[in-house]
């Protein structure tokens, strides 16, 4: 089973980065969910920090420990973004992104 999960993990990870923000948008911003979803998808821009790494993409590297915009300091900033209404959706998208990357890190160490 772990072998199959290892094969499916990258695709599942990317799919969750699209689907989970959509679910949150429908639950918490139902009146304008598509706009909230697009803003949360825009939060994937934090993956630009992968350009600073060599190799740029490594399927066995944990983003939370390897990329500057994925660390604890930025996470605190993203958490603060939940307070003002103007930045709440983006902050939510950034935190969802980090949570999914964290789940991916856990999957890498399992099995």
N, C-alpha and C. Protein backbone atom coordinates (compact mmCIF):
# COMPACT_ATOMS: atom_id res chain seq x y z
N UNK A 1 0.81 -1.20 0.00
CA UNK A 1 0.00 0.00 0.00
C UNK A 1 0.86 1.26 0.00
N UNK A 2 1.96 1.26 0.77
CA UNK A 2 2.82 2.44 0.83
C UNK A 2 3.47 2.71 -0.52
N UNK A 3 3.72 1.63 -1.29
CA UNK A 3 4.32 1.81 -2.61
C UNK A 3 3.35 2.56 -3.53
N UNK A 4 2.07 2.18 -3.47
CA UNK A 4 1.06 2.85 -4.28
C UNK A 4 0.91 4.31 -3.86
N UNK A 5 0.91 4.56 -2.56
CA UNK A 5 0.81 5.92 -2.06
C UNK A 5 2.00 6.76 -2.52
N UNK A 6 3.18 6.16 -2.52
CA UNK A 6 4.38 6.87 -2.97
C UNK A 6 4.26 7.26 -4.44
N UNK A 7 3.63 6.41 -5.23
CA UNK A 7 3.45 6.70 -6.65
C UNK A 7 2.41 7.80 -6.84
N UNK A 8 1.32 7.73 -6.09
CA UNK A 8 0.21 8.68 -6.25
C UNK A 8 0.42 9.99 -5.51
N UNK A 9 1.35 10.04 -4.56
CA UNK A 9 1.53 11.20 -3.68
C UNK A 9 1.68 12.53 -4.42
N UNK A 10 2.55 12.66 -5.43
CA UNK A 10 2.69 13.98 -6.07
C UNK A 10 1.40 14.47 -6.73
N UNK A 11 0.70 13.60 -7.43
CA UNK A 11 -0.55 14.00 -8.08
C UNK A 11 -1.63 14.33 -7.07
N UNK A 12 -1.72 13.51 -6.03
CA UNK A 12 -2.68 13.76 -4.97
C UNK A 12 -2.40 15.10 -4.28
N UNK A 13 -1.13 15.36 -4.04
CA UNK A 13 -0.73 16.62 -3.40
C UNK A 13 -1.18 17.82 -4.23
N UNK A 14 -0.94 17.78 -5.52
CA UNK A 14 -1.34 18.89 -6.40
C UNK A 14 -2.86 19.01 -6.47
N UNK A 15 -3.56 17.88 -6.55
CA UNK A 15 -5.02 17.92 -6.61
C UNK A 15 -5.60 18.53 -5.34
N UNK A 16 -5.03 18.18 -4.19
CA UNK A 16 -5.52 18.74 -2.93
C UNK A 16 -5.28 20.24 -2.85
N UNK A 17 -4.21 20.74 -3.47
CA UNK A 17 -3.95 22.18 -3.48
C UNK A 17 -5.01 22.94 -4.27
N UNK A 18 -5.74 22.25 -5.13
CA UNK A 18 -6.84 22.87 -5.87
C UNK A 18 -8.18 22.62 -5.17
N UNK A 19 -8.39 21.37 -4.72
CA UNK A 19 -9.69 20.99 -4.17
C UNK A 19 -9.96 21.54 -2.77
N UNK A 20 -8.99 21.49 -1.88
CA UNK A 20 -9.22 21.92 -0.50
C UNK A 20 -9.57 23.41 -0.43
N UNK A 21 -8.85 24.30 -1.15
CA UNK A 21 -9.30 25.70 -1.13
C UNK A 21 -10.72 25.87 -1.68
N UNK A 22 -11.09 25.05 -2.66
CA UNK A 22 -12.46 25.11 -3.18
C UNK A 22 -13.49 24.75 -2.13
N UNK A 23 -13.20 23.73 -1.34
CA UNK A 23 -14.11 23.33 -0.26
C UNK A 23 -14.22 24.43 0.78
N UNK A 24 -13.08 25.00 1.18
CA UNK A 24 -13.11 26.10 2.15
C UNK A 24 -13.88 27.30 1.59
N UNK A 25 -13.68 27.61 0.33
CA UNK A 25 -14.39 28.73 -0.29
C UNK A 25 -15.89 28.51 -0.25
N UNK A 26 -16.33 27.31 -0.58
CA UNK A 26 -17.77 27.01 -0.56
C UNK A 26 -18.34 27.06 0.85
N UNK A 27 -17.56 26.62 1.84
CA UNK A 27 -18.04 26.59 3.22
C UNK A 27 -18.09 27.98 3.86
N UNK A 28 -17.07 28.79 3.63
CA UNK A 28 -16.94 30.04 4.38
C UNK A 28 -17.24 31.30 3.58
N UNK A 29 -17.23 31.22 2.26
CA UNK A 29 -17.53 32.37 1.42
C UNK A 29 -18.53 31.96 0.35
N UNK A 30 -19.62 31.33 0.76
CA UNK A 30 -20.56 30.75 -0.18
C UNK A 30 -21.20 31.79 -1.10
N UNK A 31 -21.33 33.02 -0.64
CA UNK A 31 -21.95 34.07 -1.46
C UNK A 31 -21.06 34.47 -2.64
N UNK A 32 -19.77 34.27 -2.53
CA UNK A 32 -18.82 34.64 -3.59
C UNK A 32 -17.68 33.62 -3.61
N UNK A 33 -18.04 32.35 -3.59
CA UNK A 33 -17.06 31.29 -3.40
C UNK A 33 -16.02 31.23 -4.50
N UNK A 34 -16.42 31.48 -5.74
CA UNK A 34 -15.46 31.37 -6.85
C UNK A 34 -14.35 32.40 -6.72
N UNK A 35 -14.68 33.60 -6.26
CA UNK A 35 -13.67 34.64 -6.06
C UNK A 35 -12.71 34.25 -4.94
N UNK A 36 -13.27 33.76 -3.84
CA UNK A 36 -12.44 33.31 -2.72
C UNK A 36 -11.54 32.15 -3.16
N UNK A 37 -12.08 31.24 -3.95
CA UNK A 37 -11.31 30.10 -4.43
C UNK A 37 -10.14 30.55 -5.29
N UNK A 38 -10.39 31.48 -6.20
CA UNK A 38 -9.31 31.99 -7.06
C UNK A 38 -8.22 32.69 -6.25
N UNK A 39 -8.63 33.45 -5.24
CA UNK A 39 -7.64 34.12 -4.39
C UNK A 39 -6.81 33.10 -3.63
N UNK A 40 -7.48 32.05 -3.11
CA UNK A 40 -6.73 31.02 -2.40
C UNK A 40 -5.82 30.24 -3.34
N UNK A 41 -6.25 30.03 -4.56
CA UNK A 41 -5.36 29.39 -5.54
C UNK A 41 -4.15 30.27 -5.83
N UNK A 42 -4.36 31.58 -5.82
CA UNK A 42 -3.24 32.52 -6.04
C UNK A 42 -2.19 32.39 -4.94
N UNK A 43 -2.58 31.87 -3.79
CA UNK A 43 -1.63 31.68 -2.69
C UNK A 43 -0.53 30.70 -3.07
N UNK A 44 -0.73 29.94 -4.13
CA UNK A 44 0.31 29.00 -4.57
C UNK A 44 1.54 29.75 -5.08
N UNK A 45 1.43 31.06 -5.20
CA UNK A 45 2.59 31.86 -5.62
C UNK A 45 3.75 31.72 -4.63
N UNK A 46 3.46 31.30 -3.40
CA UNK A 46 4.56 31.12 -2.44
C UNK A 46 5.50 30.01 -2.89
N UNK A 47 5.06 29.18 -3.82
CA UNK A 47 5.94 28.14 -4.33
C UNK A 47 7.04 28.69 -5.23
N UNK A 48 7.00 29.99 -5.50
CA UNK A 48 8.11 30.60 -6.23
C UNK A 48 9.43 30.47 -5.47
N UNK A 49 9.35 30.28 -4.15
CA UNK A 49 10.58 30.11 -3.39
C UNK A 49 11.29 28.79 -3.73
N UNK A 50 10.62 27.92 -4.46
CA UNK A 50 11.27 26.69 -4.92
C UNK A 50 12.36 27.02 -5.94
N UNK A 51 12.23 28.18 -6.59
CA UNK A 51 13.24 28.60 -7.57
C UNK A 51 14.60 28.83 -6.91
N UNK A 52 14.61 29.03 -5.60
CA UNK A 52 15.86 29.27 -4.87
C UNK A 52 16.56 27.98 -4.48
N UNK A 53 15.94 26.85 -4.75
CA UNK A 53 16.49 25.56 -4.33
C UNK A 53 17.12 24.82 -5.51
N UNK A 54 18.06 23.96 -5.16
CA UNK A 54 18.65 23.09 -6.17
C UNK A 54 18.61 21.66 -5.66
N UNK A 55 18.02 20.76 -6.38
CA UNK A 55 17.24 21.00 -7.60
C UNK A 55 15.95 21.74 -7.28
N UNK A 56 15.40 22.39 -8.29
CA UNK A 56 14.20 23.19 -8.09
C UNK A 56 13.05 22.34 -7.57
N UNK A 57 12.91 21.14 -8.11
CA UNK A 57 11.86 20.23 -7.66
C UNK A 57 12.50 18.93 -7.21
N UNK A 58 12.20 18.55 -6.00
CA UNK A 58 12.66 17.27 -5.46
C UNK A 58 11.45 16.64 -4.77
N UNK A 59 10.91 15.56 -5.32
CA UNK A 59 9.69 14.97 -4.75
C UNK A 59 9.88 14.43 -3.33
N UNK A 60 11.12 14.30 -2.89
CA UNK A 60 11.38 13.76 -1.56
C UNK A 60 11.90 14.82 -0.59
N UNK A 61 11.66 16.07 -0.89
CA UNK A 61 12.10 17.17 -0.01
C UNK A 61 10.87 17.80 0.65
N UNK A 62 10.96 18.01 1.94
CA UNK A 62 9.87 18.65 2.68
C UNK A 62 9.95 20.17 2.50
N UNK A 63 8.90 20.75 1.95
CA UNK A 63 8.88 22.20 1.70
C UNK A 63 8.99 23.00 2.98
N UNK A 64 8.43 22.48 4.07
CA UNK A 64 8.40 23.25 5.32
C UNK A 64 9.78 23.46 5.91
N UNK A 65 10.71 22.62 5.58
CA UNK A 65 12.06 22.75 6.14
C UNK A 65 13.06 23.25 5.11
N UNK A 66 12.62 23.45 3.86
CA UNK A 66 13.57 23.75 2.80
C UNK A 66 13.37 25.08 2.09
N UNK A 67 12.23 25.70 2.25
CA UNK A 67 11.92 26.89 1.47
C UNK A 67 11.55 28.06 2.38
N UNK A 68 12.09 29.24 2.10
CA UNK A 68 11.93 30.37 3.03
C UNK A 68 10.48 30.83 3.25
N UNK A 69 9.61 30.76 2.27
CA UNK A 69 8.23 31.22 2.44
C UNK A 69 7.33 30.16 3.07
N UNK A 70 7.92 29.00 3.38
CA UNK A 70 7.16 27.90 3.96
C UNK A 70 7.51 27.67 5.43
N UNK A 71 8.24 28.57 6.05
CA UNK A 71 8.70 28.38 7.43
C UNK A 71 7.75 28.93 8.48
N UNK A 72 8.19 28.83 9.72
CA UNK A 72 7.37 29.25 10.85
C UNK A 72 7.16 30.76 10.88
N UNK A 73 8.19 31.53 10.56
CA UNK A 73 8.05 32.99 10.54
C UNK A 73 6.98 33.46 9.57
N UNK A 74 7.09 33.05 8.31
CA UNK A 74 6.03 33.42 7.37
C UNK A 74 4.66 32.88 7.78
N UNK A 75 4.61 31.71 8.39
CA UNK A 75 3.33 31.14 8.83
C UNK A 75 2.66 32.06 9.84
N UNK A 76 3.45 32.69 10.71
CA UNK A 76 2.89 33.64 11.68
C UNK A 76 2.29 34.85 10.95
N UNK A 77 2.97 35.30 9.92
CA UNK A 77 2.45 36.42 9.12
C UNK A 77 1.14 36.00 8.44
N UNK A 78 1.11 34.79 7.89
CA UNK A 78 -0.11 34.31 7.23
C UNK A 78 -1.25 34.20 8.25
N UNK A 79 -0.93 33.81 9.46
CA UNK A 79 -1.93 33.72 10.51
C UNK A 79 -2.49 35.11 10.84
N UNK A 80 -1.60 36.10 10.91
CA UNK A 80 -2.05 37.48 11.16
C UNK A 80 -2.92 38.01 10.03
N UNK A 81 -2.71 37.49 8.83
CA UNK A 81 -3.52 37.92 7.68
C UNK A 81 -4.98 37.52 7.82
N UNK A 82 -5.28 36.61 8.75
CA UNK A 82 -6.67 36.22 8.96
C UNK A 82 -7.47 37.30 9.68
N UNK A 83 -6.79 38.23 10.36
CA UNK A 83 -7.49 39.23 11.16
C UNK A 83 -8.19 40.29 10.32
N UNK A 84 -7.50 41.02 9.44
CA UNK A 84 -8.24 42.00 8.64
C UNK A 84 -9.05 41.31 7.54
N UNK A 85 -10.26 41.77 7.33
CA UNK A 85 -11.14 41.16 6.33
C UNK A 85 -10.52 41.22 4.93
N UNK A 86 -9.76 42.27 4.64
CA UNK A 86 -9.18 42.44 3.30
C UNK A 86 -8.17 41.35 2.94
N UNK A 87 -7.49 40.78 3.93
CA UNK A 87 -6.45 39.78 3.65
C UNK A 87 -6.83 38.38 4.12
N UNK A 88 -8.03 38.23 4.65
CA UNK A 88 -8.44 36.96 5.27
C UNK A 88 -8.42 35.78 4.28
N UNK A 89 -8.95 35.97 3.09
CA UNK A 89 -9.03 34.86 2.14
C UNK A 89 -7.63 34.43 1.71
N UNK A 90 -6.76 35.40 1.44
CA UNK A 90 -5.39 35.07 1.04
C UNK A 90 -4.64 34.39 2.18
N UNK A 91 -4.81 34.89 3.40
CA UNK A 91 -4.17 34.26 4.55
C UNK A 91 -4.65 32.83 4.73
N UNK A 92 -5.93 32.61 4.53
CA UNK A 92 -6.49 31.26 4.63
C UNK A 92 -5.87 30.36 3.56
N UNK A 93 -5.75 30.87 2.35
CA UNK A 93 -5.15 30.10 1.27
C UNK A 93 -3.70 29.74 1.56
N UNK A 94 -2.95 30.68 2.11
CA UNK A 94 -1.55 30.42 2.45
C UNK A 94 -1.43 29.38 3.56
N UNK A 95 -2.29 29.47 4.55
CA UNK A 95 -2.25 28.48 5.64
C UNK A 95 -2.69 27.10 5.18
N UNK A 96 -3.67 27.04 4.29
CA UNK A 96 -4.08 25.76 3.72
C UNK A 96 -2.90 25.16 2.94
N UNK A 97 -2.23 26.01 2.19
CA UNK A 97 -1.06 25.56 1.43
C UNK A 97 -0.01 24.94 2.35
N UNK A 98 0.30 25.63 3.43
CA UNK A 98 1.29 25.11 4.38
C UNK A 98 0.81 23.82 5.04
N UNK A 99 -0.47 23.75 5.37
CA UNK A 99 -1.01 22.53 6.00
C UNK A 99 -0.92 21.34 5.04
N UNK A 100 -1.23 21.57 3.77
CA UNK A 100 -1.13 20.48 2.80
C UNK A 100 0.32 20.07 2.57
N UNK A 101 1.23 21.04 2.56
CA UNK A 101 2.64 20.70 2.43
C UNK A 101 3.12 19.94 3.66
N UNK A 102 2.62 20.30 4.83
CA UNK A 102 2.97 19.58 6.05
C UNK A 102 2.46 18.15 6.02
N UNK A 103 1.24 17.97 5.52
CA UNK A 103 0.69 16.62 5.39
C UNK A 103 1.53 15.79 4.42
N UNK A 104 2.00 16.44 3.36
CA UNK A 104 2.86 15.75 2.39
C UNK A 104 4.17 15.34 3.04
N UNK A 105 4.72 16.19 3.88
CA UNK A 105 5.96 15.86 4.61
C UNK A 105 5.74 14.64 5.50
N UNK A 106 4.58 14.58 6.15
CA UNK A 106 4.27 13.43 7.01
C UNK A 106 4.15 12.15 6.18
N UNK A 107 3.54 12.26 5.01
CA UNK A 107 3.42 11.09 4.14
C UNK A 107 4.79 10.59 3.68
N UNK A 108 5.71 11.53 3.47
CA UNK A 108 7.06 11.15 3.03
C UNK A 108 7.77 10.34 4.10
N UNK A 109 7.50 10.65 5.37
CA UNK A 109 8.22 9.97 6.45
C UNK A 109 7.50 8.71 6.91
N UNK A 110 6.27 8.51 6.43
CA UNK A 110 5.52 7.29 6.79
C UNK A 110 5.91 6.16 5.86
N UNK A 111 5.76 4.98 6.35
CA UNK A 111 5.97 3.81 5.51
C UNK A 111 7.39 3.55 5.32
